[in-house]
């Protein structure tokens, strides 16, 4: 008897997840989103296949960072022209385009291969709580780590 799930439609069905970024720490939020985009939460996970889900992130402009990263962290890119190195701080980027902060964090946590671009297309980030995918959402994630009130025996 084979225990393989196989290439069934139910196994590879894409689920839509809603993540509220308000007050969430950027790094931990990024790792959980990256794992969902890769499909690591599914029993059929294979690094070479694209079996991840859609992730809709709302309230991106309210994401939290620890320490002084908001003032000190720099995002750099090059225009391609001589002397074209551009820098922008996280605080400036959060005012200008807050979706880019989460997109860059998640992109850096995905494997650097041909599936990265395809997986990033399934990440939809919105600065406020309004988004056009309300009917598609099946799972809502509260990504905060629950506090343990009783000691584990």
Protein backbone atom coordinates (compact mmCIF):
# COMPACT_ATOMS: atom_id res chain seq x y z
CA UNK A 1 0.00 0.00 0.00
CA UNK A 2 1.33 3.41 -0.94
CA UNK A 3 1.29 6.18 1.64
CA UNK A 4 1.92 8.94 -0.91
CA UNK A 5 -0.81 11.54 -1.17
CA UNK A 6 -0.11 12.11 -4.82
CA UNK A 7 -0.99 14.91 -7.16
CA UNK A 8 -4.57 15.33 -6.00
CA UNK A 9 -6.48 18.57 -6.35
CA UNK A 10 -7.38 18.66 -2.66
CA UNK A 11 -3.78 18.30 -1.59
CA UNK A 12 -2.65 21.21 -3.76
CA UNK A 13 -5.70 23.43 -3.17
CA UNK A 14 -4.71 26.98 -2.33
CA UNK A 15 -6.20 28.49 0.80
CA UNK A 16 -6.41 32.24 1.43
CA UNK A 17 -4.98 33.41 4.79
CA UNK A 18 -5.57 36.81 6.39
CA UNK A 19 -2.81 38.22 8.61
CA UNK A 20 -3.21 41.40 10.64
CA UNK A 21 0.20 43.08 10.98
CA UNK A 22 -0.90 45.62 13.60
CA UNK A 23 1.58 45.44 16.48
CA UNK A 24 3.35 42.34 15.10
CA UNK A 25 7.16 42.18 15.08
CA UNK A 26 8.39 42.31 11.49
CA UNK A 27 10.85 39.39 11.64
CA UNK A 28 8.54 36.85 13.23
CA UNK A 29 5.69 37.92 11.00
CA UNK A 30 7.91 37.54 7.92
CA UNK A 31 9.02 34.01 8.78
CA UNK A 32 5.45 32.80 9.33
CA UNK A 33 4.28 34.37 6.07
CA UNK A 34 7.22 32.84 4.18
CA UNK A 35 6.43 29.37 5.53
CA UNK A 36 2.80 29.73 4.46
CA UNK A 37 3.82 30.90 0.97
CA UNK A 38 6.15 27.89 0.63
CA UNK A 39 3.54 25.42 1.89
CA UNK A 40 5.59 24.12 4.80
CA UNK A 41 2.43 23.88 6.91
CA UNK A 42 1.02 21.20 4.58
CA UNK A 43 1.79 17.47 4.83
CA UNK A 44 2.59 17.35 1.08
CA UNK A 45 5.39 19.94 1.27
CA UNK A 46 8.13 19.46 -1.29
CA UNK A 47 10.86 22.08 -1.75
CA UNK A 48 10.79 21.66 -5.53
CA UNK A 49 7.02 22.02 -5.96
CA UNK A 50 4.88 25.09 -5.53
CA UNK A 51 2.19 24.06 -3.04
CA UNK A 52 1.89 27.21 -0.90
CA UNK A 53 -1.15 29.33 -0.16
CA UNK A 54 -2.22 32.94 -0.67
CA UNK A 55 -1.51 35.40 2.14
CA UNK A 56 -3.28 38.74 2.51
CA UNK A 57 -1.59 41.11 4.98
CA UNK A 58 -3.55 44.10 6.30
CA UNK A 59 -2.46 47.07 8.46
CA UNK A 60 1.08 47.00 7.07
CA UNK A 61 1.79 50.55 8.19
CA UNK A 62 1.33 49.51 11.83
CA UNK A 63 3.97 46.76 11.87
CA UNK A 64 6.36 46.88 14.83
CA UNK A 65 10.13 46.54 14.95
CA UNK A 66 12.39 46.07 17.96
CA UNK A 67 15.18 48.35 19.05
CA UNK A 68 16.07 51.38 16.94
CA UNK A 69 15.62 49.67 13.58
CA UNK A 70 13.03 52.20 12.49
CA UNK A 71 15.68 54.95 12.46
CA UNK A 72 18.83 52.92 11.73
CA UNK A 73 17.84 50.25 9.19
CA UNK A 74 18.65 51.25 5.61
CA UNK A 75 17.17 49.88 2.41
CA UNK A 76 19.58 50.25 -0.51
CA UNK A 77 19.16 49.91 -4.26
CA UNK A 78 21.19 50.95 -7.28
CA UNK A 79 19.77 52.76 -10.27
CA UNK A 80 22.34 51.33 -12.67
CA UNK A 81 23.97 54.68 -13.37
CA UNK A 82 27.39 55.71 -11.99
CA UNK A 83 26.97 56.97 -8.44
CA UNK A 84 23.39 55.71 -8.39
CA UNK A 85 23.35 54.04 -4.97
CA UNK A 86 20.15 55.14 -3.20
CA UNK A 87 19.40 54.71 0.49
CA UNK A 88 16.18 55.14 2.42
CA UNK A 89 15.57 54.55 6.11
CA UNK A 90 12.82 52.32 7.40
CA UNK A 91 10.93 55.29 8.88
CA UNK A 92 10.91 57.07 5.51
CA UNK A 93 9.86 53.92 3.65
CA UNK A 94 7.08 53.29 6.15
CA UNK A 95 5.60 56.72 5.43
CA UNK A 96 6.13 56.49 1.67
CA UNK A 97 5.27 52.86 0.88
CA UNK A 98 4.61 50.66 3.98
CA UNK A 99 3.80 47.53 1.91
CA UNK A 100 7.41 47.35 0.68
CA UNK A 101 8.75 46.72 4.20
CA UNK A 102 6.81 43.47 4.59
CA UNK A 103 7.43 42.44 0.97
CA UNK A 104 11.20 42.88 1.37
CA UNK A 105 11.24 41.02 4.69
CA UNK A 106 9.30 38.05 3.30
CA UNK A 107 11.28 38.01 0.05
CA UNK A 108 14.52 37.78 2.01
CA UNK A 109 13.19 34.77 3.94
CA UNK A 110 12.14 32.76 0.88
CA UNK A 111 14.60 30.43 -0.86
CA UNK A 112 16.57 32.12 -3.62
CA UNK A 113 15.39 29.99 -6.54
CA UNK A 114 13.00 30.11 -9.49
CA UNK A 115 9.94 29.67 -7.28
CA UNK A 116 10.61 32.86 -5.32
CA UNK A 117 8.92 35.21 -7.80
CA UNK A 118 5.89 32.92 -8.15
CA UNK A 119 5.51 32.69 -4.39
CA UNK A 120 5.83 36.46 -3.94
CA UNK A 121 2.96 36.97 -6.39
CA UNK A 122 0.70 35.20 -3.88
CA UNK A 123 1.59 37.74 -1.16
CA UNK A 124 -0.87 40.64 -1.13
CA UNK A 125 -0.04 43.49 1.26
CA UNK A 126 -2.31 46.43 2.10
CA UNK A 127 -1.45 49.46 4.29
CA UNK A 128 -4.90 49.66 5.89
CA UNK A 129 -7.52 47.14 6.98
CA UNK A 130 -9.50 47.40 3.72
CA UNK A 131 -8.79 44.92 0.92
CA UNK A 132 -10.73 43.52 -2.07
CA UNK A 133 -10.28 39.83 -1.14
CA UNK A 134 -12.83 39.60 1.69
CA UNK A 135 -14.82 36.83 -0.05
CA UNK A 136 -11.71 34.67 -0.64
CA UNK A 137 -10.46 34.54 2.96
CA UNK A 138 -10.81 31.12 4.56
CA UNK A 139 -8.34 31.32 7.47
CA UNK A 140 -7.58 34.24 9.73
CA UNK A 141 -4.24 34.11 11.50
CA UNK A 142 -3.51 35.73 14.80
CA UNK A 143 0.24 35.39 14.63
CA UNK A 144 0.91 36.55 18.17
CA UNK A 145 2.55 33.88 20.26
CA UNK A 146 0.13 32.97 23.07
CA UNK A 147 1.36 33.50 26.61
CA UNK A 148 1.51 30.40 28.76
CA UNK A 149 -0.51 31.06 31.91
CA UNK A 150 0.09 27.69 33.54
CA UNK A 151 3.44 25.95 33.88
CA UNK A 152 3.82 22.96 31.56
CA UNK A 153 4.34 19.76 33.51
